[in-house]
Protein backbone atom coordinates (compact mmCIF):
# COMPACT_ATOMS: atom_id res chain seq x y z
CA MET A 1 -4.00 33.80 3.15
CA LYS A 2 -5.60 30.31 2.52
CA LYS A 3 -8.80 30.05 -0.12
CA ILE A 4 -10.86 27.00 0.58
CA ALA A 5 -13.53 25.92 -2.05
CA ILE A 6 -16.24 23.00 -0.89
CA LEU A 7 -18.22 21.06 -3.25
CA GLN A 8 -19.99 17.47 -3.78
CA SER A 9 -17.93 15.15 -5.88
CA ASN A 10 -19.27 14.67 -9.40
CA TYR A 11 -18.73 11.98 -12.21
CA ILE A 12 -16.19 13.37 -14.95
CA PRO A 13 -16.91 16.95 -14.12
CA TRP A 14 -17.18 20.09 -16.25
CA LYS A 15 -14.42 22.06 -16.88
CA GLY A 16 -15.58 25.00 -14.66
CA TYR A 17 -15.57 22.24 -11.50
CA PHE A 18 -11.72 22.14 -12.32
CA ASP A 19 -11.55 25.87 -12.66
CA LEU A 20 -13.08 26.18 -9.05
CA ILE A 21 -10.53 23.21 -7.55
CA ALA A 22 -7.70 25.35 -9.38
CA ALA A 23 -8.96 28.88 -7.85
CA ALA A 24 -8.63 26.98 -4.25
CA ASP A 25 -5.49 26.14 -2.01
CA GLU A 26 -7.61 23.27 -0.52
CA PHE A 27 -10.89 21.78 -2.00
CA ILE A 28 -13.14 19.50 0.25
CA LEU A 29 -15.21 17.11 -1.17
CA TYR A 30 -18.63 17.85 0.43
CA ASP A 31 -19.68 13.76 0.04
CA ASP A 32 -21.27 13.89 3.71
CA MET A 33 -23.98 15.41 1.96
CA GLN A 34 -27.26 13.51 0.45
CA PHE A 35 -27.13 11.69 -2.36
CA THR A 36 -29.45 13.30 -5.01
CA ARG A 37 -30.69 11.19 -7.83
CA ARG A 38 -30.85 12.44 -11.57
CA ASP A 39 -28.13 14.69 -10.53
CA TRP A 40 -24.53 15.36 -11.29
CA ARG A 41 -22.80 12.86 -8.62
CA ASN A 42 -23.27 9.70 -10.65
CA ARG A 43 -23.62 11.03 -14.37
CA ASN A 44 -22.44 13.59 -16.84
CA GLN A 45 -22.75 14.39 -20.58
CA VAL A 46 -20.42 13.87 -23.85
CA LYS A 47 -20.99 14.98 -27.40
CA THR A 48 -21.82 11.86 -29.85
CA PRO A 49 -22.83 12.31 -33.66
CA GLN A 50 -26.25 12.28 -32.80
CA GLY A 51 -26.28 14.96 -29.84
CA LEU A 52 -25.78 14.87 -26.17
CA ALA A 53 -25.73 11.71 -24.14
CA TRP A 54 -25.53 10.61 -20.72
CA LEU A 55 -22.75 8.48 -18.97
CA THR A 56 -24.29 7.32 -15.85
CA VAL A 57 -22.50 4.81 -13.24
CA PRO A 58 -25.38 2.77 -11.89
CA VAL A 59 -25.97 3.13 -7.98
CA ARG A 60 -27.85 1.16 -5.37
CA VAL A 61 -30.68 3.78 -4.27
CA LYS A 62 -33.81 1.27 -3.46
CA GLY A 63 -34.86 1.87 -0.12
CA LYS A 64 -31.91 4.43 0.69
CA TYR A 65 -33.73 7.70 0.44
CA HIS A 66 -31.47 9.59 2.82
CA GLN A 67 -27.80 7.98 2.06
CA ALA A 68 -24.79 9.98 1.89
CA ILE A 69 -22.86 10.59 -1.12
CA ARG A 70 -20.00 8.62 0.34
CA GLU A 71 -22.62 5.87 1.24
CA THR A 72 -23.74 5.17 -1.92
CA GLU A 73 -22.58 1.92 -3.91
CA ILE A 74 -21.84 1.37 -7.30
CA GLU A 75 -24.22 -1.38 -9.12
CA GLY A 76 -22.25 -4.17 -10.67
CA ARG A 77 -19.19 -3.57 -13.07
CA ASP A 78 -20.43 -3.61 -16.42
CA TRP A 79 -20.77 -0.12 -16.40
CA ALA A 80 -17.05 0.84 -16.89
CA SER A 81 -16.27 -0.99 -19.64
CA SER A 82 -19.48 0.28 -21.55
CA HIS A 83 -18.51 3.87 -20.44
CA TRP A 84 -15.04 3.49 -21.92
CA LYS A 85 -16.39 1.88 -25.15
CA SER A 86 -18.50 4.98 -25.51
CA LEU A 87 -15.73 7.56 -24.99
CA VAL A 88 -13.81 5.29 -27.58
CA LEU A 89 -16.41 5.43 -30.12
CA ASN A 90 -17.41 9.26 -29.84
CA TYR A 91 -14.06 10.67 -29.47
CA ARG A 92 -11.62 8.29 -31.11
CA LYS A 93 -11.50 11.04 -33.98
CA ALA A 94 -10.36 13.85 -31.67
CA ALA A 95 -7.06 15.37 -31.68
CA CYS A 96 -5.71 14.44 -28.51
CA PHE A 97 -7.54 11.27 -27.82
CA ASP A 98 -4.53 8.73 -27.50
CA GLU A 99 -3.01 10.99 -24.98
CA ILE A 100 -5.85 10.90 -22.78
CA ALA A 101 -6.84 7.61 -23.09
CA ALA A 102 -3.34 6.46 -21.71
CA ILE A 103 -4.38 8.23 -18.26
CA LEU A 104 -8.30 7.38 -18.53
CA GLU A 105 -8.40 3.76 -19.70
CA PRO A 106 -6.63 2.05 -16.67
CA ILE A 107 -9.29 3.64 -14.44
CA TYR A 108 -12.28 2.31 -16.59
CA LEU A 109 -10.72 -1.21 -17.58
CA ASN A 110 -9.32 -1.96 -14.21
CA SER A 111 -11.71 -0.24 -11.70
CA THR A 112 -12.41 -1.97 -8.42
CA HIS A 113 -14.50 0.96 -6.89
CA GLY A 114 -17.19 -0.31 -5.20
CA PHE A 115 -18.49 3.12 -3.68
CA LEU A 116 -19.26 6.46 -5.67
CA SER A 117 -17.04 8.68 -3.92
CA PRO A 118 -13.67 6.91 -4.42
CA LEU A 119 -14.52 6.47 -8.03
CA ASN A 120 -15.12 9.94 -8.54
CA ARG A 121 -12.23 11.37 -6.50
CA ALA A 122 -9.84 9.02 -8.56
CA ILE A 123 -10.72 10.62 -11.64
CA ILE A 124 -10.92 14.23 -10.36
CA GLU A 125 -7.28 13.60 -9.25
CA VAL A 126 -6.38 11.95 -12.39
CA ILE A 127 -7.36 14.96 -14.24
CA CYS A 128 -6.05 17.68 -11.81
CA GLY A 129 -2.68 16.09 -12.24
CA TYR A 130 -3.02 15.95 -15.95
CA LEU A 131 -3.79 19.71 -16.05
CA GLY A 132 -1.14 20.67 -13.47
CA ILE A 133 -3.82 21.75 -10.74
CA LYS A 134 -1.64 21.35 -7.52
CA THR A 135 -4.61 22.21 -5.12
CA SER A 136 -5.03 19.77 -2.22
CA VAL A 137 -7.87 17.79 -2.14
CA THR A 138 -9.54 16.29 1.12
CA ASN A 139 -12.59 14.81 2.22
CA SER A 140 -15.63 16.52 4.38
CA TRP A 141 -15.22 13.59 6.99
CA ASP A 142 -11.50 14.46 7.83
CA TYR A 143 -13.25 17.38 9.50
CA ASN A 144 -16.12 17.63 12.39
CA LEU A 145 -19.22 18.67 11.00
CA ILE A 146 -21.82 21.06 12.52
CA GLU A 147 -25.35 21.69 11.98
CA GLY A 148 -26.25 24.45 9.56
CA LYS A 149 -25.67 24.80 6.10
CA SER A 150 -23.70 28.33 6.26
CA ASP A 151 -22.37 27.57 9.72
CA ARG A 152 -20.81 24.13 8.69
CA LEU A 153 -19.21 25.63 5.35
CA ALA A 154 -17.89 28.31 7.47
CA ASP A 155 -16.45 26.33 10.07
CA LEU A 156 -14.73 23.48 7.64
CA CYS A 157 -13.08 26.64 6.27
CA LEU A 158 -12.04 27.51 9.87
CA GLN A 159 -10.85 23.70 10.64
CA ALA A 160 -8.98 23.67 7.35
CA GLY A 161 -7.05 27.15 8.13
CA GLY A 162 -8.99 28.89 5.36
CA THR A 163 -9.26 32.63 5.46
CA GLU A 164 -11.19 32.83 2.12
CA TYR A 165 -14.02 30.56 0.85
CA ILE A 166 -14.85 30.50 -2.65
CA SER A 167 -18.16 29.62 -3.94
CA GLY A 168 -20.14 28.63 -6.75
CA PRO A 169 -22.86 31.15 -7.81
CA ALA A 170 -25.57 28.70 -7.37
CA ALA A 171 -24.99 28.59 -3.35
CA LYS A 172 -26.12 32.44 -3.53
CA ASN A 173 -29.88 30.59 -3.18
CA TYR A 174 -28.95 29.36 0.51
CA ILE A 175 -25.70 30.66 2.00
CA ASP A 176 -26.04 33.32 4.61
CA GLU A 177 -23.06 36.00 3.83
CA ASP A 178 -23.23 37.36 7.56
CA VAL A 179 -22.09 33.81 8.78
CA PHE A 180 -18.68 34.04 7.21
CA SER A 181 -18.29 37.96 7.87
CA GLU A 182 -18.78 37.38 11.61
CA ARG A 183 -16.05 34.75 11.28
CA GLY A 184 -13.66 37.08 9.73
CA LEU A 185 -13.88 34.88 6.71
CA LYS A 186 -13.82 36.51 2.91
CA LEU A 187 -16.63 35.18 0.82
CA THR A 188 -15.77 35.03 -3.11
CA TRP A 189 -18.36 34.27 -5.81
CA PHE A 190 -16.95 32.20 -8.40
CA ASP A 191 -17.76 33.12 -11.97
CA TYR A 192 -18.29 30.56 -14.98
CA GLN A 193 -19.12 33.36 -17.64
CA GLY A 194 -17.05 33.99 -20.58
CA TYR A 195 -15.43 30.28 -21.53
CA ARG A 196 -14.15 30.48 -25.16
CA GLU A 197 -14.96 28.09 -27.67
CA TYR A 198 -12.49 25.20 -28.56
CA PRO A 199 -12.35 22.98 -31.41
CA GLN A 200 -14.92 20.20 -30.73
CA LEU A 201 -16.22 17.29 -32.51
CA TRP A 202 -20.08 16.95 -33.70
CA GLY A 203 -22.05 19.69 -34.65
CA GLU A 204 -22.77 22.97 -32.54
CA PHE A 205 -20.73 23.98 -29.64
CA VAL A 206 -21.64 23.01 -26.25
CA HIS A 207 -19.88 24.24 -22.95
CA THR A 208 -21.84 21.92 -20.49
CA VAL A 209 -20.40 18.69 -21.29
CA SER A 210 -17.85 16.58 -19.25
CA ILE A 211 -14.25 18.02 -19.07
CA LEU A 212 -13.20 14.77 -21.28
CA ASP A 213 -14.60 16.34 -24.01
CA LEU A 214 -12.02 19.39 -23.72
CA LEU A 215 -9.20 17.12 -22.96
CA PHE A 216 -9.73 14.53 -25.84
CA ASN A 217 -9.75 17.50 -28.08
CA CYS A 218 -7.14 20.05 -27.02
CA GLY A 219 -4.72 18.01 -24.45
CA LYS A 220 -2.16 20.07 -22.92
CA GLU A 221 -3.75 23.16 -24.36
CA SER A 222 -6.88 22.57 -22.35
CA PRO A 223 -5.94 25.29 -19.98
CA ALA A 224 -6.04 28.07 -22.53
CA TYR A 225 -9.76 27.36 -22.77
CA MET A 226 -9.98 27.37 -18.87
CA ARG A 227 -9.67 30.34 -16.14
CA PHE A 228 -6.22 29.15 -15.39
CA VAL A 229 -2.79 28.46 -16.61
CA GLY A 230 -1.17 25.82 -13.97
CA ASN A 231 -1.28 27.04 -10.44
């Protein structure tokens, strides 16, 4: 039995993203999909004393209406030091700041990524390593891609040797479940409900911020507020 999850890369994703990774044996970054503006691909939210704030990686989009995520170039270098300064400013009082800063600071201050996909993957893999998530992470372009939304996902599963596809609940709007059953694949809908609150800075609790918020506040205790206990 091999479980597969397939999702576009996100910038500093929320905790649910990593729970989905942990639930699978192989996680395929689906960055052959079209880049969508004002989405999670190149931005995410953190908490500040003034409320939620966006950290956005600037990317080149002018005239590139149909570019894939993997083709999306990062604009300039100044964003990295700016994002790191924001994280320091808003989380230096968090209980586990120093521990998490030690693994994140090099990514920001030594960043040489010219494209969005490898940047997102680098951050995702560092966080998986810290959390003890051992799921194999691969790219969609490691495989052959056929036409059709559901057909392509099911075919990717089969190419990866999967027997079960784990999908986020939002995909219920477009996935054809029959496509999976006809291929002998089990389709499982991941549930993001029921997360416990954790010690969080700056006012009313918010679940949907970047996982960096959880890591800075809870460090190695972070999995206790997630859906897995190592894997």
